[in-house]
Amino acid sequence: MTPKSEHLVDLIFKKLKTYKNKKIFLEKKSLNKFILLLFKEN
């Protein structure tokens, strides 16, 4: 993963973890996998 995409994952993770209206169970590793899946070309 490139530093730029790693930074993007960090930003998304922080935003989701500070979201107060609903409880969100999220692990950074899972988020990272999900984002890699989105970027992956078939």
N, C-alpha and C. Protein backbone atom coordinates (compact mmCIF):
# COMPACT_ATOMS: atom_id res chain seq x y z
N MET A 1 0.84 -1.17 0.00
CA MET A 1 0.00 0.00 0.00
C MET A 1 0.89 1.23 0.00
N THR A 2 0.51 2.18 -0.81
CA THR A 2 1.32 3.40 -0.91
C THR A 2 1.08 4.29 0.32
N PRO A 3 2.03 5.15 0.62
CA PRO A 3 1.85 6.06 1.76
C PRO A 3 0.60 6.94 1.63
N LYS A 4 0.30 7.33 0.40
CA LYS A 4 -0.88 8.17 0.17
C LYS A 4 -2.17 7.42 0.50
N SER A 5 -2.27 6.18 0.08
CA SER A 5 -3.47 5.40 0.37
C SER A 5 -3.54 5.02 1.85
N GLU A 6 -2.39 4.79 2.46
CA GLU A 6 -2.34 4.51 3.90
C GLU A 6 -2.86 5.72 4.68
N HIS A 7 -2.49 6.89 4.24
CA HIS A 7 -2.96 8.13 4.88
C HIS A 7 -4.48 8.26 4.72
N LEU A 8 -4.98 7.91 3.56
CA LEU A 8 -6.42 7.95 3.32
C LEU A 8 -7.16 7.00 4.25
N VAL A 9 -6.64 5.80 4.41
CA VAL A 9 -7.24 4.82 5.33
C VAL A 9 -7.24 5.38 6.75
N ASP A 10 -6.15 5.99 7.16
CA ASP A 10 -6.07 6.58 8.50
C ASP A 10 -7.13 7.66 8.70
N LEU A 11 -7.28 8.52 7.72
CA LEU A 11 -8.28 9.59 7.82
C LEU A 11 -9.70 9.03 7.92
N ILE A 12 -10.01 8.06 7.09
CA ILE A 12 -11.35 7.46 7.13
C ILE A 12 -11.58 6.77 8.47
N PHE A 13 -10.59 6.04 8.93
CA PHE A 13 -10.68 5.34 10.21
C PHE A 13 -10.95 6.31 11.36
N LYS A 14 -10.21 7.39 11.41
CA LYS A 14 -10.39 8.39 12.47
C LYS A 14 -11.78 9.02 12.41
N LYS A 15 -12.24 9.33 11.21
CA LYS A 15 -13.57 9.93 11.06
C LYS A 15 -14.65 8.98 11.55
N LEU A 16 -14.56 7.73 11.15
CA LEU A 16 -15.58 6.75 11.54
C LEU A 16 -15.55 6.46 13.03
N LYS A 17 -14.36 6.45 13.62
CA LYS A 17 -14.26 6.17 15.05
C LYS A 17 -14.79 7.32 15.90
N THR A 18 -14.80 8.54 15.36
CA THR A 18 -15.29 9.67 16.14
C THR A 18 -16.76 9.98 15.84
N TYR A 19 -17.38 9.20 14.99
CA TYR A 19 -18.79 9.38 14.66
C TYR A 19 -19.64 9.00 15.85
N LYS A 20 -20.39 9.93 16.40
CA LYS A 20 -21.06 9.72 17.68
C LYS A 20 -22.52 9.25 17.58
N ASN A 21 -23.18 9.45 16.46
CA ASN A 21 -24.60 9.12 16.39
C ASN A 21 -24.90 7.63 16.49
N LYS A 22 -23.99 6.82 16.03
CA LYS A 22 -24.18 5.37 16.12
C LYS A 22 -22.88 4.74 16.55
N LYS A 23 -23.02 3.61 17.22
CA LYS A 23 -21.81 2.88 17.60
C LYS A 23 -21.32 2.12 16.38
N ILE A 24 -20.06 2.25 16.12
CA ILE A 24 -19.46 1.56 14.97
C ILE A 24 -18.33 0.68 15.48
N PHE A 25 -18.45 -0.61 15.22
CA PHE A 25 -17.37 -1.52 15.56
C PHE A 25 -16.50 -1.65 14.32
N LEU A 26 -15.27 -1.20 14.44
CA LEU A 26 -14.41 -1.16 13.27
C LEU A 26 -12.97 -1.42 13.68
N GLU A 27 -12.33 -2.29 12.95
CA GLU A 27 -10.91 -2.52 13.14
C GLU A 27 -10.17 -1.95 11.94
N LYS A 28 -9.05 -1.35 12.20
CA LYS A 28 -8.30 -0.72 11.13
C LYS A 28 -7.88 -1.73 10.07
N LYS A 29 -7.55 -2.91 10.50
CA LYS A 29 -7.14 -3.96 9.57
C LYS A 29 -8.27 -4.30 8.59
N SER A 30 -9.48 -4.39 9.09
CA SER A 30 -10.64 -4.69 8.25
C SER A 30 -10.92 -3.55 7.28
N LEU A 31 -10.82 -2.35 7.76
CA LEU A 31 -11.02 -1.19 6.89
C LEU A 31 -9.97 -1.16 5.79
N ASN A 32 -8.76 -1.46 6.16
CA ASN A 32 -7.67 -1.49 5.19
C ASN A 32 -7.95 -2.52 4.10
N LYS A 33 -8.39 -3.70 4.48
CA LYS A 33 -8.73 -4.75 3.53
C LYS A 33 -9.85 -4.31 2.60
N PHE A 34 -10.86 -3.69 3.16
CA PHE A 34 -12.01 -3.24 2.39
C PHE A 34 -11.59 -2.20 1.35
N ILE A 35 -10.78 -1.25 1.76
CA ILE A 35 -10.35 -0.19 0.84
C ILE A 35 -9.46 -0.77 -0.26
N LEU A 36 -8.61 -1.70 0.09
CA LEU A 36 -7.78 -2.36 -0.93
C LEU A 36 -8.65 -3.08 -1.93
N LEU A 37 -9.71 -3.70 -1.45
CA LEU A 37 -10.64 -4.37 -2.34
C LEU A 37 -11.30 -3.39 -3.32
N LEU A 38 -11.63 -2.23 -2.82
CA LEU A 38 -12.24 -1.21 -3.68
C LEU A 38 -11.30 -0.73 -4.77
N PHE A 39 -10.03 -0.60 -4.42
CA PHE A 39 -9.04 -0.09 -5.37
C PHE A 39 -8.52 -1.17 -6.32
N LYS A 40 -8.71 -2.40 -5.92
CA LYS A 40 -8.16 -3.50 -6.73
C LYS A 40 -8.87 -3.60 -8.08
N GLU A 41 -8.07 -3.75 -9.11
CA GLU A 41 -8.64 -3.89 -10.46
C GLU A 41 -8.81 -5.37 -10.76
N ASN A 42 -9.91 -5.68 -11.40
CA ASN A 42 -10.18 -7.09 -11.75
C ASN A 42 -9.53 -7.43 -13.06
